[in-house]
């Protein structure tokens, strides 16, 4: 049985102890649709999804969050300048 709860995005955020600034609500469309598609694609492969999660936890968070565990501005971290690739390669060299 599939259940589709009626839950607003702001309610979901609050359930996880998160919030956003009132003057900057979340966007309804990705800023980098090609990158979003690539991330969605490699999440179909458990090993790649785990590698992504590990990278987020070990690398991204250390530069993208401040001392209060709040996300920094992409510009202040230099993340906004990273180039993205439309093809992801597993660390073993296998393309997915």
PDB file of N, CA and C in Angstrom:
ATOM      1  N   UNK A   1       0.843  -1.173   0.000  1.00  0.00           N
ATOM      2  CA  UNK A   1       0.000   0.000   0.000  1.00  0.00           C
ATOM      3  C   UNK A   1       0.886   1.232   0.000  1.00  0.00           C
ATOM      4  N   UNK A   2       0.687   2.081  -0.957  1.00  0.00           N
ATOM      5  CA  UNK A   2       1.463   3.310  -1.055  1.00  0.00           C
ATOM      6  C   UNK A   2       0.709   4.433  -0.354  1.00  0.00           C
ATOM      7  N   UNK A   3       1.402   5.142   0.517  1.00  0.00           N
ATOM      8  CA  UNK A   3       0.803   6.245   1.250  1.00  0.00           C
ATOM      9  C   UNK A   3       1.512   7.523   0.844  1.00  0.00           C
ATOM     10  N   UNK A   4       0.745   8.503   0.469  1.00  0.00           N
ATOM     11  CA  UNK A   4       1.306   9.800   0.098  1.00  0.00           C
ATOM     12  C   UNK A   4       0.858  10.833   1.131  1.00  0.00           C
ATOM     13  N   UNK A   5       1.663  11.035   2.171  1.00  0.00           N
ATOM     14  CA  UNK A   5       1.252  11.984   3.207  1.00  0.00           C
ATOM     15  C   UNK A   5       1.225  13.408   2.674  1.00  0.00           C
ATOM     16  N   UNK A   6       0.300  14.170   3.152  1.00  0.00           N
ATOM     17  CA  UNK A   6       0.224  15.578   2.771  1.00  0.00           C
ATOM     18  C   UNK A   6       1.061  16.352   3.781  1.00  0.00           C
ATOM     19  N   UNK A   7       2.284  16.651   3.367  1.00  0.00           N
ATOM     20  CA  UNK A   7       3.240  17.299   4.244  1.00  0.00           C
ATOM     21  C   UNK A   7       3.939  18.394   3.460  1.00  0.00           C
ATOM     22  N   UNK A   8       3.811  19.609   3.957  1.00  0.00           N
ATOM     23  CA  UNK A   8       4.467  20.737   3.303  1.00  0.00           C
ATOM     24  C   UNK A   8       5.975  20.658   3.541  1.00  0.00           C
ATOM     25  N   UNK A   9       6.738  21.238   2.634  1.00  0.00           N
ATOM     26  CA  UNK A   9       8.191  21.212   2.733  1.00  0.00           C
ATOM     27  C   UNK A   9       8.671  21.859   4.033  1.00  0.00           C
ATOM     28  N   UNK A  10       8.043  22.962   4.432  1.00  0.00           N
ATOM     29  CA  UNK A  10       8.467  23.604   5.681  1.00  0.00           C
ATOM     30  C   UNK A  10       8.194  22.699   6.882  1.00  0.00           C
ATOM     31  N   UNK A  11       7.121  21.914   6.853  1.00  0.00           N
ATOM     32  CA  UNK A  11       6.847  20.965   7.935  1.00  0.00           C
ATOM     33  C   UNK A  11       7.900  19.861   7.970  1.00  0.00           C
ATOM     34  N   UNK A  12       8.284  19.371   6.798  1.00  0.00           N
ATOM     35  CA  UNK A  12       9.319  18.344   6.713  1.00  0.00           C
ATOM     36  C   UNK A  12      10.636  18.867   7.283  1.00  0.00           C
ATOM     37  N   UNK A  13      10.988  20.084   6.926  1.00  0.00           N
ATOM     38  CA  UNK A  13      12.204  20.687   7.458  1.00  0.00           C
ATOM     39  C   UNK A  13      12.140  20.755   8.980  1.00  0.00           C
ATOM     40  N   UNK A  14      11.026  21.247   9.517  1.00  0.00           N
ATOM     41  CA  UNK A  14      10.890  21.381  10.975  1.00  0.00           C
ATOM     42  C   UNK A  14      10.967  20.030  11.679  1.00  0.00           C
ATOM     43  N   UNK A  15      10.415  18.981  11.067  1.00  0.00           N
ATOM     44  CA  UNK A  15      10.502  17.640  11.657  1.00  0.00           C
ATOM     45  C   UNK A  15      11.953  17.185  11.816  1.00  0.00           C
ATOM     46  N   UNK A  16      12.817  17.677  10.933  1.00  0.00           N
ATOM     47  CA  UNK A  16      14.239  17.325  10.982  1.00  0.00           C
ATOM     48  C   UNK A  16      15.072  18.384  11.703  1.00  0.00           C
ATOM     49  N   UNK A  17      14.398  19.322  12.355  1.00  0.00           N
ATOM     50  CA  UNK A  17      15.107  20.364  13.088  1.00  0.00           C
ATOM     51  C   UNK A  17      15.770  21.385  12.188  1.00  0.00           C
ATOM     52  N   UNK A  18      15.248  21.545  10.978  1.00  0.00           N
ATOM     53  CA  UNK A  18      15.826  22.471  10.008  1.00  0.00           C
ATOM     54  C   UNK A  18      14.859  23.600   9.712  1.00  0.00           C
ATOM     55  N   UNK A  19      15.382  24.681   9.200  1.00  0.00           N
ATOM     56  CA  UNK A  19      14.546  25.797   8.782  1.00  0.00           C
ATOM     57  C   UNK A  19      15.288  26.566   7.701  1.00  0.00           C
ATOM     58  N   UNK A  20      14.598  27.480   7.063  1.00  0.00           N
ATOM     59  CA  UNK A  20      15.249  28.353   6.103  1.00  0.00           C
ATOM     60  C   UNK A  20      14.828  29.775   6.434  1.00  0.00           C
ATOM     61  N   UNK A  21      15.572  30.716   5.919  1.00  0.00           N
ATOM     62  CA  UNK A  21      15.263  32.119   6.171  1.00  0.00           C
ATOM     63  C   UNK A  21      13.962  32.472   5.480  1.00  0.00           C
ATOM     64  N   UNK A  22      13.123  33.233   6.162  1.00  0.00           N
ATOM     65  CA  UNK A  22      11.823  33.601   5.598  1.00  0.00           C
ATOM     66  C   UNK A  22      11.946  34.321   4.265  1.00  0.00           C
ATOM     67  N   UNK A  23      12.991  35.105   4.112  1.00  0.00           N
ATOM     68  CA  UNK A  23      13.162  35.856   2.864  1.00  0.00           C
ATOM     69  C   UNK A  23      13.866  35.040   1.773  1.00  0.00           C
ATOM     70  N   UNK A  24      14.230  33.776   2.081  1.00  0.00           N
ATOM     71  CA  UNK A  24      14.891  32.916   1.098  1.00  0.00           C
ATOM     72  C   UNK A  24      14.307  31.501   1.144  1.00  0.00           C
ATOM     73  N   UNK A  25      13.048  31.336   0.731  1.00  0.00           N
ATOM     74  CA  UNK A  25      12.450  29.993   0.754  1.00  0.00           C
ATOM     75  C   UNK A  25      13.139  29.087  -0.269  1.00  0.00           C
ATOM     76  N   UNK A  26      12.979  27.764  -0.119  1.00  0.00           N
ATOM     77  CA  UNK A  26      13.615  26.846  -1.075  1.00  0.00           C
ATOM     78  C   UNK A  26      13.060  27.033  -2.483  1.00  0.00           C
ATOM     79  N   UNK A  27      13.890  26.723  -3.449  1.00  0.00           N
ATOM     80  CA  UNK A  27      13.483  26.825  -4.853  1.00  0.00           C
ATOM     81  C   UNK A  27      12.711  25.581  -5.263  1.00  0.00           C
ATOM     82  N   UNK A  28      11.835  25.720  -6.238  1.00  0.00           N
ATOM     83  CA  UNK A  28      11.058  24.583  -6.734  1.00  0.00           C
ATOM     84  C   UNK A  28      11.744  23.850  -7.873  1.00  0.00           C
ATOM     85  N   UNK A  29      12.847  24.391  -8.364  1.00  0.00           N
ATOM     86  CA  UNK A  29      13.580  23.771  -9.464  1.00  0.00           C
ATOM     87  C   UNK A  29      15.067  23.812  -9.140  1.00  0.00           C
ATOM     88  N   UNK A  30      15.824  22.813  -9.577  1.00  0.00           N
ATOM     89  CA  UNK A  30      17.262  22.812  -9.285  1.00  0.00           C
ATOM     90  C   UNK A  30      17.979  23.962  -9.990  1.00  0.00           C
ATOM     91  N   UNK A  31      19.010  24.470  -9.337  1.00  0.00           N
ATOM     92  CA  UNK A  31      19.833  25.520  -9.936  1.00  0.00           C
ATOM     93  C   UNK A  31      20.708  24.912 -11.026  1.00  0.00           C
ATOM     94  N   UNK A  32      21.199  23.698 -10.792  1.00  0.00           N
ATOM     95  CA  UNK A  32      22.029  22.979 -11.760  1.00  0.00           C
ATOM     96  C   UNK A  32      21.309  21.683 -12.136  1.00  0.00           C
ATOM     97  N   UNK A  33      20.349  21.742 -13.073  1.00  0.00           N
ATOM     98  CA  UNK A  33      19.554  20.551 -13.384  1.00  0.00           C
ATOM     99  C   UNK A  33      20.375  19.368 -13.883  1.00  0.00           C
ATOM    100  N   UNK A  34      21.451  19.620 -14.602  1.00  0.00           N
ATOM    101  CA  UNK A  34      22.286  18.521 -15.097  1.00  0.00           C
ATOM    102  C   UNK A  34      22.960  17.806 -13.917  1.00  0.00           C
ATOM    103  N   UNK A  35      23.459  18.582 -12.959  1.00  0.00           N
ATOM    104  CA  UNK A  35      24.083  17.989 -11.772  1.00  0.00           C
ATOM    105  C   UNK A  35      23.046  17.246 -10.940  1.00  0.00           C
ATOM    106  N   UNK A  36      21.856  17.826 -10.787  1.00  0.00           N
ATOM    107  CA  UNK A  36      20.788  17.159 -10.027  1.00  0.00           C
ATOM    108  C   UNK A  36      20.415  15.832 -10.680  1.00  0.00           C
ATOM    109  N   UNK A  37      20.358  15.805 -12.004  1.00  0.00           N
ATOM    110  CA  UNK A  37      20.062  14.564 -12.722  1.00  0.00           C
ATOM    111  C   UNK A  37      21.148  13.518 -12.519  1.00  0.00           C
ATOM    112  N   UNK A  38      22.402  13.957 -12.531  1.00  0.00           N
ATOM    113  CA  UNK A  38      23.513  13.024 -12.325  1.00  0.00           C
ATOM    114  C   UNK A  38      23.486  12.452 -10.911  1.00  0.00           C
ATOM    115  N   UNK A  39      23.196  13.289  -9.926  1.00  0.00           N
ATOM    116  CA  UNK A  39      23.107  12.811  -8.542  1.00  0.00           C
ATOM    117  C   UNK A  39      21.965  11.812  -8.395  1.00  0.00           C
ATOM    118  N   UNK A  40      20.824  12.125  -8.992  1.00  0.00           N
ATOM    119  CA  UNK A  40      19.691  11.193  -8.945  1.00  0.00           C
ATOM    120  C   UNK A  40      20.051   9.884  -9.635  1.00  0.00           C
ATOM    121  N   UNK A  41      20.770   9.959 -10.752  1.00  0.00           N
ATOM    122  CA  UNK A  41      21.155   8.760 -11.492  1.00  0.00           C
ATOM    123  C   UNK A  41      22.069   7.858 -10.665  1.00  0.00           C
ATOM    124  N   UNK A  42      23.128   8.416 -10.081  1.00  0.00           N
ATOM    125  CA  UNK A  42      24.050   7.525  -9.383  1.00  0.00           C
ATOM    126  C   UNK A  42      23.492   7.017  -8.067  1.00  0.00           C
ATOM    127  N   UNK A  43      22.414   7.621  -7.574  1.00  0.00           N
ATOM    128  CA  UNK A  43      21.775   7.076  -6.373  1.00  0.00           C
ATOM    129  C   UNK A  43      21.035   5.772  -6.674  1.00  0.00           C
ATOM    130  N   UNK A  44      20.957   5.390  -7.934  1.00  0.00           N
ATOM    131  CA  UNK A  44      20.386   4.096  -8.306  1.00  0.00           C
ATOM    132  C   UNK A  44      21.369   2.964  -8.009  1.00  0.00           C
ATOM    133  N   UNK A  45      22.614   3.298  -7.733  1.00  0.00           N
ATOM    134  CA  UNK A  45      23.656   2.316  -7.467  1.00  0.00           C
ATOM    135  C   UNK A  45      24.104   2.460  -6.012  1.00  0.00           C
ATOM    136  N   UNK A  46      23.816   1.466  -5.158  1.00  0.00           N
ATOM    137  CA  UNK A  46      24.123   1.596  -3.724  1.00  0.00           C
ATOM    138  C   UNK A  46      25.577   1.958  -3.429  1.00  0.00           C
ATOM    139  N   UNK A  47      26.527   1.406  -4.173  1.00  0.00           N
ATOM    140  CA  UNK A  47      27.931   1.716  -3.895  1.00  0.00           C
ATOM    141  C   UNK A  47      28.253   3.180  -4.192  1.00  0.00           C
ATOM    142  N   UNK A  48      27.661   3.719  -5.249  1.00  0.00           N
ATOM    143  CA  UNK A  48      27.886   5.127  -5.574  1.00  0.00           C
ATOM    144  C   UNK A  48      27.161   6.041  -4.593  1.00  0.00           C
ATOM    145  N   UNK A  49      25.965   5.652  -4.197  1.00  0.00           N
ATOM    146  CA  UNK A  49      25.220   6.442  -3.214  1.00  0.00           C
ATOM    147  C   UNK A  49      26.001   6.509  -1.901  1.00  0.00           C
ATOM    148  N   UNK A  50      26.597   5.400  -1.492  1.00  0.00           N
ATOM    149  CA  UNK A  50      27.387   5.381  -0.261  1.00  0.00           C
ATOM    150  C   UNK A  50      28.652   6.223  -0.406  1.00  0.00           C
ATOM    151  N   UNK A  51      29.289   6.147  -1.566  1.00  0.00           N
ATOM    152  CA  UNK A  51      30.487   6.966  -1.806  1.00  0.00           C
ATOM    153  C   UNK A  51      30.131   8.459  -1.742  1.00  0.00           C
ATOM    154  N   UNK A  52      28.987   8.822  -2.305  1.00  0.00           N
ATOM    155  CA  UNK A  52      28.521  10.211  -2.262  1.00  0.00           C
ATOM    156  C   UNK A  52      28.269  10.641  -0.815  1.00  0.00           C
ATOM    157  N   UNK A  53      27.574   9.804  -0.050  1.00  0.00           N
ATOM    158  CA  UNK A  53      27.282  10.119   1.345  1.00  0.00           C
ATOM    159  C   UNK A  53      28.581  10.278   2.140  1.00  0.00           C
ATOM    160  N   UNK A  54      29.538   9.382   1.911  1.00  0.00           N
ATOM    161  CA  UNK A  54      30.827   9.480   2.593  1.00  0.00           C
ATOM    162  C   UNK A  54      31.535  10.791   2.254  1.00  0.00           C
ATOM    163  N   UNK A  55      31.517  11.159   0.968  1.00  0.00           N
ATOM    164  CA  UNK A  55      32.142  12.406   0.542  1.00  0.00           C
ATOM    165  C   UNK A  55      31.454  13.604   1.197  1.00  0.00           C
ATOM    166  N   UNK A  56      30.124  13.575   1.216  1.00  0.00           N
ATOM    167  CA  UNK A  56      29.393  14.677   1.853  1.00  0.00           C
ATOM    168  C   UNK A  56      29.786  14.804   3.319  1.00  0.00           C
ATOM    169  N   UNK A  57      29.807  13.689   4.023  1.00  0.00           N
ATOM    170  CA  UNK A  57      30.111  13.712   5.449  1.00  0.00           C
ATOM    171  C   UNK A  57      31.553  14.087   5.741  1.00  0.00           C
ATOM    172  N   UNK A  58      32.488  13.599   4.943  1.00  0.00           N
ATOM    173  CA  UNK A  58      33.915  13.807   5.235  1.00  0.00           C
ATOM    174  C   UNK A  58      34.495  15.068   4.623  1.00  0.00           C
ATOM    175  N   UNK A  59      34.012  15.447   3.455  1.00  0.00           N
ATOM    176  CA  UNK A  59      34.625  16.562   2.733  1.00  0.00           C
ATOM    177  C   UNK A  59      33.733  17.806   2.691  1.00  0.00           C
ATOM    178  N   UNK A  60      32.534  17.653   2.163  1.00  0.00           N
ATOM    179  CA  UNK A  60      31.664  18.807   1.935  1.00  0.00           C
ATOM    180  C   UNK A  60      31.307  19.533   3.222  1.00  0.00           C
ATOM    181  N   UNK A  61      30.851  18.785   4.212  1.00  0.00           N
ATOM    182  CA  UNK A  61      30.404  19.420   5.460  1.00  0.00           C
ATOM    183  C   UNK A  61      31.512  20.200   6.150  1.00  0.00           C
ATOM    184  N   UNK A  62      32.747  19.742   6.045  1.00  0.00           N
ATOM    185  CA  UNK A  62      33.845  20.431   6.727  1.00  0.00           C
ATOM    186  C   UNK A  62      34.093  21.825   6.157  1.00  0.00           C
ATOM    187  N   UNK A  63      33.787  22.053   4.890  1.00  0.00           N
ATOM    188  CA  UNK A  63      33.983  23.376   4.302  1.00  0.00           C
ATOM    189  C   UNK A  63      32.681  24.136   4.097  1.00  0.00           C
ATOM    190  N   UNK A  64      31.562  23.434   4.063  1.00  0.00           N
ATOM    191  CA  UNK A  64      30.293  24.079   3.726  1.00  0.00           C
ATOM    192  C   UNK A  64      29.436  24.447   4.928  1.00  0.00           C
ATOM    193  N   UNK A  65      29.803  23.978   6.119  1.00  0.00           N
ATOM    194  CA  UNK A  65      29.039  24.337   7.314  1.00  0.00           C
ATOM    195  C   UNK A  65      29.899  25.179   8.242  1.00  0.00           C
ATOM    196  N   UNK A  66      29.246  26.108   8.922  1.00  0.00           N
ATOM    197  CA  UNK A  66      29.973  26.960   9.859  1.00  0.00           C
ATOM    198  C   UNK A  66      30.038  26.324  11.239  1.00  0.00           C
ATOM    199  N   UNK A  67      30.587  27.057  12.192  1.00  0.00           N
ATOM    200  CA  UNK A  67      30.757  26.510  13.543  1.00  0.00           C
ATOM    201  C   UNK A  67      29.435  26.237  14.254  1.00  0.00           C
ATOM    202  N   UNK A  68      28.325  26.743  13.711  1.00  0.00           N
ATOM    203  CA  UNK A  68      27.001  26.506  14.287  1.00  0.00           C
ATOM    204  C   UNK A  68      26.239  25.425  13.526  1.00  0.00           C
ATOM    205  N   UNK A  69      26.939  24.686  12.644  1.00  0.00           N
ATOM    206  CA  UNK A  69      26.363  23.638  11.794  1.00  0.00           C
ATOM    207  C   UNK A  69      25.321  24.166  10.829  1.00  0.00           C
ATOM    208  N   UNK A  70      25.467  25.407  10.433  1.00  0.00           N
ATOM    209  CA  UNK A  70      24.598  26.017   9.422  1.00  0.00           C
ATOM    210  C   UNK A  70      25.358  26.052   8.104  1.00  0.00           C
ATOM    211  N   UNK A  71      24.633  25.862   7.002  1.00  0.00           N
ATOM    212  CA  UNK A  71      25.266  25.897   5.691  1.00  0.00           C
ATOM    213  C   UNK A  71      25.784  27.292   5.404  1.00  0.00           C
ATOM    214  N   UNK A  72      27.005  27.361   4.920  1.00  0.00           N
ATOM    215  CA  UNK A  72      27.591  28.624   4.496  1.00  0.00           C
ATOM    216  C   UNK A  72      27.070  28.970   3.105  1.00  0.00           C
ATOM    217  N   UNK A  73      27.300  30.186   2.696  1.00  0.00           N
ATOM    218  CA  UNK A  73      26.969  30.621   1.345  1.00  0.00           C
ATOM    219  C   UNK A  73      27.864  29.868   0.360  1.00  0.00           C
ATOM    220  N   UNK A  74      27.317  29.397  -0.768  1.00  0.00           N
ATOM    221  CA  UNK A  74      28.165  28.708  -1.766  1.00  0.00           C
ATOM    222  C   UNK A  74      29.320  29.578  -2.243  1.00  0.00           C
ATOM    223  N   UNK A  75      29.117  30.878  -2.286  1.00  0.00           N
ATOM    224  CA  UNK A  75      30.174  31.778  -2.750  1.00  0.00           C
ATOM    225  C   UNK A  75      31.307  31.832  -1.727  1.00  0.00           C
ATOM    226  N   UNK A  76      30.978  31.882  -0.428  1.00  0.00           N
ATOM    227  CA  UNK A  76      32.018  31.979   0.590  1.00  0.00           C
ATOM    228  C   UNK A  76      32.850  30.707   0.713  1.00  0.00           C
ATOM    229  N   UNK A  77      32.304  29.567   0.294  1.00  0.00           N
ATOM    230  CA  UNK A  77      33.042  28.313   0.386  1.00  0.00           C
ATOM    231  C   UNK A  77      33.806  27.990  -0.889  1.00  0.00           C
ATOM    232  N   UNK A  78      33.483  28.670  -1.972  1.00  0.00           N
ATOM    233  CA  UNK A  78      34.094  28.358  -3.257  1.00  0.00           C
ATOM    234  C   UNK A  78      33.377  27.235  -3.980  1.00  0.00           C
ATOM    235  N   UNK A  79      32.345  26.673  -3.361  1.00  0.00           N
ATOM    236  CA  UNK A  79      31.609  25.563  -3.966  1.00  0.00           C
ATOM    237  C   UNK A  79      30.920  25.997  -5.252  1.00  0.00           C
ATOM    238  N   UNK A  80      30.458  27.238  -5.298  1.00  0.00           N
ATOM    239  CA  UNK A  80      29.742  27.722  -6.475  1.00  0.00           C
ATOM    240  C   UNK A  80      30.621  27.717  -7.715  1.00  0.00           C
ATOM    241  N   UNK A  81      31.938  27.707  -7.540  1.00  0.00           N
ATOM    242  CA  UNK A  81      32.832  27.762  -8.690  1.00  0.00           C
ATOM    243  C   UNK A  81      33.216  26.383  -9.222  1.00  0.00           C
ATOM    244  N   UNK A  82      32.852  25.305  -8.487  1.00  0.00           N
ATOM    245  CA  UNK A  82      33.180  23.972  -8.963  1.00  0.00           C
ATOM    246  C   UNK A  82      32.452  23.666 -10.258  1.00  0.00           C
ATOM    247  N   UNK A  83      33.126  23.023 -11.165  1.00  0.00           N
ATOM    248  CA  UNK A  83      32.485  22.575 -12.398  1.00  0.00           C
ATOM    249  C   UNK A  83      31.909  21.198 -12.150  1.00  0.00           C
ATOM    250  N   UNK A  84      30.766  20.891 -12.783  1.00  0.00           N
ATOM    251  CA  UNK A  84      30.172  19.578 -12.622  1.00  0.00           C
ATOM    252  C   UNK A  84      30.284  18.806 -13.926  1.00  0.00           C
ATOM    253  N   UNK A  85      30.258  17.511 -13.812  1.00  0.00           N
ATOM    254  CA  UNK A  85      30.395  16.641 -14.972  1.00  0.00           C
ATOM    255  C   UNK A  85      29.085  15.918 -15.210  1.00  0.00           C
ATOM    256  N   UNK A  86      28.753  15.702 -16.474  1.00  0.00           N
ATOM    257  CA  UNK A  86      27.521  14.977 -16.775  1.00  0.00           C
ATOM    258  C   UNK A  86      27.741  13.474 -16.692  1.00  0.00           C
ATOM    259  N   UNK A  87      28.975  13.050 -16.523  1.00  0.00           N
ATOM    260  CA  UNK A  87      29.249  11.618 -16.400  1.00  0.00           C
ATOM    261  C   UNK A  87      30.041  11.368 -15.128  1.00  0.00           C
ATOM    262  N   UNK A  88      29.551  10.473 -14.303  1.00  0.00           N
ATOM    263  CA  UNK A  88      30.181  10.147 -13.034  1.00  0.00           C
ATOM    264  C   UNK A  88      30.932   8.839 -13.167  1.00  0.00           C
ATOM    265  N   UNK A  89      32.109   8.795 -12.627  1.00  0.00           N
ATOM    266  CA  UNK A  89      32.935   7.596 -12.673  1.00  0.00           C
ATOM    267  C   UNK A  89      33.166   7.110 -11.254  1.00  0.00           C
ATOM    268  N   UNK A  90      32.888   5.841 -11.041  1.00  0.00           N
ATOM    269  CA  UNK A  90      33.087   5.227  -9.732  1.00  0.00           C
ATOM    270  C   UNK A  90      34.565   5.250  -9.411  1.00  0.00           C
ATOM    271  N   UNK A  91      34.907   5.263  -8.119  1.00  0.00           N
ATOM    272  CA  UNK A  91      36.314   5.353  -7.732  1.00  0.00           C
ATOM    273  C   UNK A  91      37.140   4.176  -8.259  1.00  0.00           C
ATOM    274  N   UNK A  92      36.499   3.099  -8.677  1.00  0.00           N
ATOM    275  CA  UNK A  92      37.251   1.985  -9.247  1.00  0.00           C
ATOM    276  C   UNK A  92      37.472   2.193 -10.751  1.00  0.00           C
ATOM    277  N   UNK A  93      36.858   3.252 -11.305  1.00  0.00           N
ATOM    278  CA  UNK A  93      37.012   3.525 -12.724  1.00  0.00           C
ATOM    279  C   UNK A  93      35.835   3.046 -13.558  1.00  0.00           C
ATOM    280  N   UNK A  94      34.858   2.433 -12.932  1.00  0.00           N
ATOM    281  CA  UNK A  94      33.693   1.933 -13.662  1.00  0.00           C
ATOM    282  C   UNK A  94      32.723   3.075 -13.897  1.00  0.00           C
ATOM    283  N   UNK A  95      32.329   3.270 -15.150  1.00  0.00           N
ATOM    284  CA  UNK A  95      31.365   4.312 -15.458  1.00  0.00           C
ATOM    285  C   UNK A  95      29.959   3.796 -15.254  1.00  0.00           C
ATOM    286  N   UNK A  96      29.082   4.648 -14.714  1.00  0.00           N
ATOM    287  CA  UNK A  96      27.676   4.285 -14.492  1.00  0.00           C
ATOM    288  C   UNK A  96      26.795   5.233 -15.260  1.00  0.00           C
TER     289      UNK A  96
END
